[in-house]
Protein backbone atom coordinates (compact mmCIF):
# COMPACT_ATOMS: atom_id res chain seq x y z
CA MET A 1 -27.37 -33.34 9.27
CA LYS A 2 -24.14 -35.59 10.11
CA TYR A 3 -20.77 -34.85 8.95
CA SER A 4 -18.10 -37.88 8.45
CA ASN A 5 -14.57 -36.86 9.81
CA MET A 6 -13.09 -35.70 7.41
CA GLU A 7 -16.22 -33.25 6.53
CA GLY A 8 -16.14 -31.80 10.16
CA ASN A 9 -12.67 -31.84 10.01
CA ILE A 10 -12.45 -29.11 6.76
CA PHE A 11 -15.58 -27.23 8.23
CA GLN A 12 -13.70 -26.77 11.49
CA ALA A 13 -10.46 -25.47 9.58
CA ILE A 14 -12.96 -22.73 7.53
CA LEU A 15 -14.15 -22.02 10.59
CA GLU A 16 -11.04 -21.62 12.30
CA VAL A 17 -9.88 -19.22 9.24
CA PHE A 18 -12.58 -17.00 9.37
CA TYR A 19 -12.57 -16.07 12.71
CA VAL A 20 -8.77 -15.80 12.36
CA ASN A 21 -9.11 -13.23 9.73
CA ASN A 22 -12.29 -11.34 11.42
CA LEU A 23 -10.79 -11.10 15.28
CA VAL A 24 -8.50 -8.03 14.45
CA GLU A 25 -8.48 -5.22 12.12
CA VAL A 26 -6.56 -2.62 11.19
CA LYS A 27 -6.96 1.21 12.38
CA ASN A 28 -4.41 4.05 11.99
CA ASN A 29 -1.74 1.50 10.66
CA GLN A 30 -2.09 -0.89 13.67
CA ILE A 31 -3.30 -3.94 14.29
CA VAL A 32 -5.93 -3.67 17.18
CA VAL A 33 -8.94 -5.69 18.72
CA SER A 34 -11.85 -4.10 20.51
CA SER A 35 -12.79 -4.73 24.61
CA ARG A 36 -16.11 -5.58 23.43
CA GLN A 37 -14.99 -8.42 21.56
CA ILE A 38 -12.94 -9.82 24.24
CA ALA A 39 -15.95 -9.43 26.39
CA GLU A 40 -17.46 -11.75 24.14
CA HIS A 41 -15.25 -14.06 23.37
CA PHE A 42 -13.68 -14.58 27.07
CA GLY A 43 -17.18 -14.66 28.49
CA LYS A 44 -16.81 -11.56 30.49
CA LEU A 45 -19.19 -8.50 30.98
CA HIS A 46 -17.68 -5.60 28.92
CA LYS A 47 -17.93 -3.28 31.78
CA ASN A 48 -15.76 -5.43 33.97
CA VAL A 49 -13.44 -5.64 30.74
CA LEU A 50 -13.41 -1.75 30.94
CA GLU A 51 -12.45 -1.95 34.53
CA ASN A 52 -9.04 -4.33 33.84
CA ILE A 53 -8.13 -1.83 31.75
CA LYS A 54 -8.01 1.34 33.52
CA VAL A 55 -6.73 -0.66 36.19
CA ILE A 56 -3.70 -1.39 33.86
CA LEU A 57 -3.95 1.83 32.52
CA ALA A 58 -3.75 3.35 36.41
CA ALA A 59 -0.72 1.36 37.14
CA GLU A 60 1.47 1.84 33.97
CA ASN A 61 1.91 5.40 32.26
CA SER A 62 3.44 3.55 29.40
CA ALA A 63 0.74 1.06 28.79
CA THR A 64 -1.59 4.20 27.47
CA LYS A 65 0.60 3.69 23.84
CA PHE A 66 -1.19 0.27 23.65
CA PHE A 67 -4.84 1.21 23.97
CA CYS A 68 -7.14 3.67 22.45
CA GLU A 69 -10.38 5.13 23.66
CA ASN A 70 -13.20 4.76 20.92
CA VAL A 71 -17.04 5.20 21.17
CA PHE A 72 -19.73 2.99 19.76
CA GLU A 73 -23.20 3.24 19.57
CA ASN A 74 -26.03 1.00 20.41
CA ARG A 75 -29.42 2.20 20.05
CA GLY A 76 -28.78 5.30 19.54
CA LYS A 77 -26.72 5.87 22.41
CA GLN A 78 -22.66 5.94 22.71
CA TYR A 79 -20.72 4.08 24.73
CA LEU A 80 -16.99 3.79 25.44
CA GLU A 81 -14.78 0.92 24.42
CA TYR A 82 -11.19 0.69 23.94
CA LEU A 83 -9.18 -0.54 20.93
CA MET A 84 -6.01 -2.49 21.84
CA ASN A 85 -3.03 -3.65 19.76
CA ARG A 86 -1.30 -6.46 20.53
CA ASP A 87 0.56 -5.31 23.81
CA GLY A 88 -2.78 -3.84 25.26
CA PHE A 89 -4.14 -7.80 24.54
CA THR A 90 -1.15 -9.55 26.04
CA LEU A 91 -1.36 -7.28 29.16
CA LEU A 92 -5.06 -7.34 29.51
CA ALA A 93 -5.49 -11.51 28.88
CA MET A 94 -2.65 -12.33 31.18
CA GLY A 95 -5.30 -12.09 33.82
CA PHE A 96 -8.04 -14.71 31.89
CA THR A 97 -7.33 -18.53 33.32
CA GLY A 98 -9.17 -21.17 32.30
CA LYS A 99 -9.01 -23.75 29.02
CA LYS A 100 -11.56 -21.65 27.38
CA ALA A 101 -9.24 -18.46 27.68
CA LEU A 102 -6.56 -20.13 26.84
CA GLN A 103 -8.35 -21.57 23.34
CA TRP A 104 -8.83 -17.67 22.56
CA LYS A 105 -5.20 -16.42 23.50
CA LEU A 106 -4.29 -18.57 21.39
CA LYS A 107 -6.93 -17.89 18.61
CA TYR A 108 -5.87 -13.96 19.24
CA ILE A 109 -2.61 -15.00 18.70
CA ALA A 110 -3.05 -16.90 15.40
CA ALA A 111 -5.15 -13.77 14.28
CA PHE A 112 -2.61 -11.14 15.19
CA ASN A 113 0.36 -12.98 13.28
CA GLU A 114 -1.40 -13.62 10.06
CA MET A 115 -2.34 -10.23 10.15
CA GLU A 116 1.33 -8.93 10.63
CA LYS A 117 2.19 -11.57 7.71
CA GLN A 118 -0.51 -10.10 5.33
CA LEU A 119 0.64 -6.94 5.88
CA SER A 120 4.32 -7.53 5.80
CA GLY A 121 3.27 -9.15 2.21
CA LYS A 122 1.49 -6.40 1.37
CA THR A 123 4.62 -4.07 2.15
CA SER A 124 7.06 -5.93 0.50
CA ASN A 125 4.92 -5.78 -2.77
CA GLN A 126 5.33 -1.83 -2.77
CA PRO A 127 8.20 -0.61 -4.31
CA THR A 128 10.66 1.08 -2.37
CA ALA A 129 11.99 4.71 -2.64
CA ILE A 130 15.02 4.00 -4.15
CA GLN A 131 13.27 1.63 -7.16
CA GLN A 132 10.60 4.57 -7.11
CA LYS A 133 13.16 7.05 -8.08
CA ARG A 134 14.97 4.56 -11.07
CA ALA A 135 11.75 4.15 -12.60
CA GLU A 136 11.53 8.14 -12.26
CA ALA A 137 14.65 8.41 -13.64
CA MET A 138 13.90 5.44 -16.49
CA LEU A 139 10.72 7.75 -17.80
CA LEU A 140 12.54 10.69 -17.67
CA ASN A 141 15.34 9.32 -20.13
CA ALA A 142 13.61 8.05 -22.64
CA ARG A 143 11.22 11.34 -23.11
CA SER A 144 14.38 12.85 -22.85
CA ARG A 145 15.88 10.67 -25.72
CA GLN A 146 12.76 11.23 -27.70
CA SER A 147 12.97 15.17 -27.07
CA LYS A 148 16.38 14.90 -28.66
CA LEU A 149 15.22 13.21 -31.53
CA TRP A 150 12.78 15.67 -32.49
CA LEU A 151 14.87 18.52 -32.35
CA ALA A 152 17.90 16.86 -34.04
CA ILE A 153 15.08 16.24 -36.93
CA ALA A 154 14.35 20.12 -36.61
CA GLU A 155 17.60 21.25 -37.13
CA LYS A 156 18.21 19.37 -40.17
CA THR A 157 15.05 20.39 -41.89
CA ASP A 158 14.56 23.58 -44.05
CA ILE A 159 11.07 23.86 -43.82
CA LYS A 160 10.07 26.22 -40.97
CA GLU A 161 6.75 24.85 -40.40
CA TYR A 162 8.44 21.58 -39.70
CA ARG A 163 10.80 23.16 -37.81
CA HIS A 164 8.34 24.62 -35.26
CA ILE A 165 6.33 21.20 -35.36
CA CYS A 166 9.34 18.76 -33.93
CA GLN A 167 9.92 21.74 -31.59
CA GLN A 168 6.66 21.75 -30.54
CA LYS A 169 6.84 17.69 -30.19
CA ALA A 170 9.93 17.29 -28.45
CA ALA A 171 8.43 19.79 -25.84
CA GLU A 172 5.67 18.16 -25.51
CA VAL A 173 7.33 14.64 -25.44
CA LEU A 174 9.88 16.04 -22.29
CA SER A 175 6.12 17.33 -20.09
CA GLY A 176 4.38 14.19 -21.27
CA ALA A 177 1.53 16.24 -23.00
CA PRO A 178 -0.59 14.53 -25.86
CA VAL A 179 1.56 14.63 -29.10
CA LEU A 180 0.30 17.02 -31.67
CA PRO A 181 -0.35 15.37 -35.00
CA MET A 182 2.11 16.44 -37.72
CA GLU A 183 -0.58 18.00 -40.47
CA GLY A 184 -1.08 20.62 -42.81
CA ALA A 185 2.57 21.31 -43.52
CA ASN A 186 4.32 20.94 -47.03
CA ARG A 187 7.18 18.64 -47.64
CA LYS A 188 9.96 20.28 -49.56
CA LYS A 189 12.27 17.14 -48.61
CA THR A 190 11.84 13.19 -47.36
CA TYR A 191 14.76 11.94 -45.30
CA SER A 192 15.48 7.99 -45.28
CA ALA A 193 16.09 6.02 -42.68
CA ALA A 194 19.82 6.24 -43.30
CA GLU A 195 19.75 10.12 -43.08
CA ILE A 196 17.50 10.20 -40.11
CA GLY A 197 20.24 7.74 -38.47
CA GLU A 198 23.02 9.88 -39.64
CA MET A 199 21.12 13.23 -37.71
CA PHE A 200 21.17 10.93 -34.25
CA ASP A 201 24.97 10.19 -34.83
CA ASP A 202 26.62 13.11 -32.40
CA LEU A 203 23.18 13.11 -30.08
CA VAL A 204 24.54 12.82 -26.44
CA ILE A 205 22.01 10.85 -24.63
CA PRO A 206 22.12 11.39 -20.54
CA THR A 207 22.06 7.50 -18.70
CA ILE A 208 20.22 6.23 -15.91
CA GLU A 209 23.29 6.29 -13.75
CA THR A 210 23.45 9.94 -14.29
CA LEU A 211 19.74 11.07 -13.60
CA LEU A 212 19.76 9.05 -10.51
CA GLY A 213 22.73 11.47 -9.53
């Protein structure tokens, strides 16, 4: 099947996106690539890539933080491989030369950059500790307000059953547990909206700033 120039460019772009998204992975909060992938893409024998990594590790002790031993299984047998982060890849690929090697270096650089960008975007969407604390304070503030309203009603009623129910509701609202329905009580007085409003005039409600400390 033949493609027009435009179709060919689109197809190539799709392939490049696919490769970029699959060249690297995240392990233990680090972006890594395996020595097997490096061997395959750069046209090297895996045993030679392993030897190159061991030479790097023997020459520089600080390089151990860039590489991590891993085991993979093939046909029922286990073999050694290395997972490496961006710095490890840079040290290893530094010795690879040629046009094809340069192309793969650029693809891996793009893959690392894209994955870091994606992870950074996810992190930025997560609430900060201050935002979480503020949200918790707002929730506690709302529950405190509702609880105080129930306690105020409890103090204003002369019906013992109603008083217990209101006090129980105040405790349940504050703890976040389900509120029980007000059933089975014989009412002797019905409060109007104005009367209920008067009950709450003297209530002191804590502010978010107070809860935040």
